[in-house]
Amino acid sequence: MSEKIFVLRAHEEYIELNQLLKLMQLVQSGGHAKLVIEDGLVIVNGEVESRKRKKMRDGDVAEMDGQRIVVRNA
């Protein structure tokens, strides 16, 4: 499994899951992000996540298609 780190900007407390997937290029658009989340294809912290606007904070881990993203503070 490939792992990437997403670093929040200094003034950010979180990033929404759908935006994270888009920024990390795991999906092609916001609509695509919504579909993969609704279809149960995204795992957050070991559990299937169905909330597309889930607030991803420092230490949270998202997994999809053999890709793993760890969110970190700046």
C-alpha atoms as a PDB file:
ATOM      1  CA  MET A   1       0.000   0.000   0.000  1.00  0.00           C
ATOM      2  CA  SER A   2       1.332   3.404  -0.996  1.00  0.00           C
ATOM      3  CA  GLU A   3       1.333   6.092   1.716  1.00  0.00           C
ATOM      4  CA  LYS A   4       1.214   9.844   1.264  1.00  0.00           C
ATOM      5  CA  ILE A   5       1.235  12.640   3.834  1.00  0.00           C
ATOM      6  CA  PHE A   6      -1.111  15.622   3.584  1.00  0.00           C
ATOM      7  CA  VAL A   7       0.046  18.600   5.648  1.00  0.00           C
ATOM      8  CA  LEU A   8      -2.609  21.052   6.826  1.00  0.00           C
ATOM      9  CA  ARG A   9      -1.755  24.722   6.434  1.00  0.00           C
ATOM     10  CA  ALA A  10      -0.822  26.554   9.632  1.00  0.00           C
ATOM     11  CA  HIS A  11      -4.255  28.203   9.985  1.00  0.00           C
ATOM     12  CA  GLU A  12      -6.289  25.073   9.112  1.00  0.00           C
ATOM     13  CA  GLU A  13      -7.698  22.706  11.749  1.00  0.00           C
ATOM     14  CA  TYR A  14      -9.050  20.199   9.222  1.00  0.00           C
ATOM     15  CA  ILE A  15      -9.762  19.386   5.584  1.00  0.00           C
ATOM     16  CA  GLU A  16     -13.004  17.805   4.411  1.00  0.00           C
ATOM     17  CA  LEU A  17     -12.654  14.233   3.169  1.00  0.00           C
ATOM     18  CA  ASN A  18     -13.993  14.962  -0.329  1.00  0.00           C
ATOM     19  CA  GLN A  19     -11.485  17.829  -0.755  1.00  0.00           C
ATOM     20  CA  LEU A  20      -8.641  15.648   0.526  1.00  0.00           C
ATOM     21  CA  LEU A  21      -9.376  12.928  -2.036  1.00  0.00           C
ATOM     22  CA  LYS A  22      -9.471  15.540  -4.785  1.00  0.00           C
ATOM     23  CA  LEU A  23      -6.267  17.323  -3.745  1.00  0.00           C
ATOM     24  CA  MET A  24      -4.389  14.024  -3.420  1.00  0.00           C
ATOM     25  CA  GLN A  25      -5.634  13.060  -6.913  1.00  0.00           C
ATOM     26  CA  LEU A  26      -7.380   9.862  -5.819  1.00  0.00           C
ATOM     27  CA  VAL A  27     -10.504  11.108  -7.623  1.00  0.00           C
ATOM     28  CA  GLN A  28     -10.968  13.323 -10.652  1.00  0.00           C
ATOM     29  CA  SER A  29     -13.649  15.662  -9.302  1.00  0.00           C
ATOM     30  CA  GLY A  30     -15.823  16.528  -6.342  1.00  0.00           C
ATOM     31  CA  GLY A  31     -18.635  14.505  -7.886  1.00  0.00           C
ATOM     32  CA  HIS A  32     -16.378  11.483  -8.214  1.00  0.00           C
ATOM     33  CA  ALA A  33     -15.327  11.906  -4.546  1.00  0.00           C
ATOM     34  CA  LYS A  34     -18.976  11.948  -3.497  1.00  0.00           C
ATOM     35  CA  LEU A  35     -19.664   8.732  -5.419  1.00  0.00           C
ATOM     36  CA  VAL A  36     -16.728   6.728  -4.041  1.00  0.00           C
ATOM     37  CA  ILE A  37     -17.565   7.828  -0.486  1.00  0.00           C
ATOM     38  CA  GLU A  38     -21.268   6.972  -0.920  1.00  0.00           C
ATOM     39  CA  ASP A  39     -20.297   3.585  -2.391  1.00  0.00           C
ATOM     40  CA  GLY A  40     -18.312   2.736   0.759  1.00  0.00           C
ATOM     41  CA  LEU A  41     -14.936   2.667  -0.997  1.00  0.00           C
ATOM     42  CA  VAL A  42     -13.187   4.989   1.462  1.00  0.00           C
ATOM     43  CA  ILE A  43     -11.878   3.842   4.849  1.00  0.00           C
ATOM     44  CA  VAL A  44     -11.108   6.434   7.544  1.00  0.00           C
ATOM     45  CA  ASN A  45      -9.262   5.336  10.675  1.00  0.00           C
ATOM     46  CA  GLY A  46     -10.068   1.696   9.931  1.00  0.00           C
ATOM     47  CA  GLU A  47     -13.817   2.095   9.302  1.00  0.00           C
ATOM     48  CA  VAL A  48     -15.906   2.695   6.178  1.00  0.00           C
ATOM     49  CA  GLU A  49     -16.727   6.423   6.044  1.00  0.00           C
ATOM     50  CA  SER A  50     -19.977   7.625   4.457  1.00  0.00           C
ATOM     51  CA  ARG A  51     -19.737  11.354   5.266  1.00  0.00           C
ATOM     52  CA  LYS A  52     -18.258  13.209   2.316  1.00  0.00           C
ATOM     53  CA  ARG A  53     -17.585  16.295   4.438  1.00  0.00           C
ATOM     54  CA  LYS A  54     -15.952  14.367   7.292  1.00  0.00           C
ATOM     55  CA  LYS A  55     -13.459  16.671   8.969  1.00  0.00           C
ATOM     56  CA  MET A  56     -10.030  15.112   8.607  1.00  0.00           C
ATOM     57  CA  ARG A  57      -7.719  16.305  11.379  1.00  0.00           C
ATOM     58  CA  ASP A  58      -4.116  15.677  12.437  1.00  0.00           C
ATOM     59  CA  GLY A  59      -3.475  11.940  12.714  1.00  0.00           C
ATOM     60  CA  ASP A  60      -6.511  10.824  10.679  1.00  0.00           C
ATOM     61  CA  VAL A  61      -5.853   8.221   7.990  1.00  0.00           C
ATOM     62  CA  ALA A  62      -7.887   7.767   4.790  1.00  0.00           C
ATOM     63  CA  GLU A  63      -7.521   4.695   2.562  1.00  0.00           C
ATOM     64  CA  MET A  64      -8.808   4.072  -0.946  1.00  0.00           C
ATOM     65  CA  ASP A  65      -7.666   1.885  -3.853  1.00  0.00           C
ATOM     66  CA  GLY A  66      -4.462   0.789  -2.149  1.00  0.00           C
ATOM     67  CA  GLN A  67      -3.552   4.389  -1.325  1.00  0.00           C
ATOM     68  CA  ARG A  68      -3.189   5.621   2.228  1.00  0.00           C
ATOM     69  CA  ILE A  69      -3.224   9.320   3.202  1.00  0.00           C
ATOM     70  CA  VAL A  70      -2.135  10.508   6.630  1.00  0.00           C
ATOM     71  CA  VAL A  71      -3.196  14.016   7.681  1.00  0.00           C
ATOM     72  CA  ARG A  72      -0.623  16.026   9.655  1.00  0.00           C
ATOM     73  CA  ASN A  73      -0.482  19.518  11.157  1.00  0.00           C
ATOM     74  CA  ALA A  74       2.007  21.958   9.683  1.00  0.00           C
END
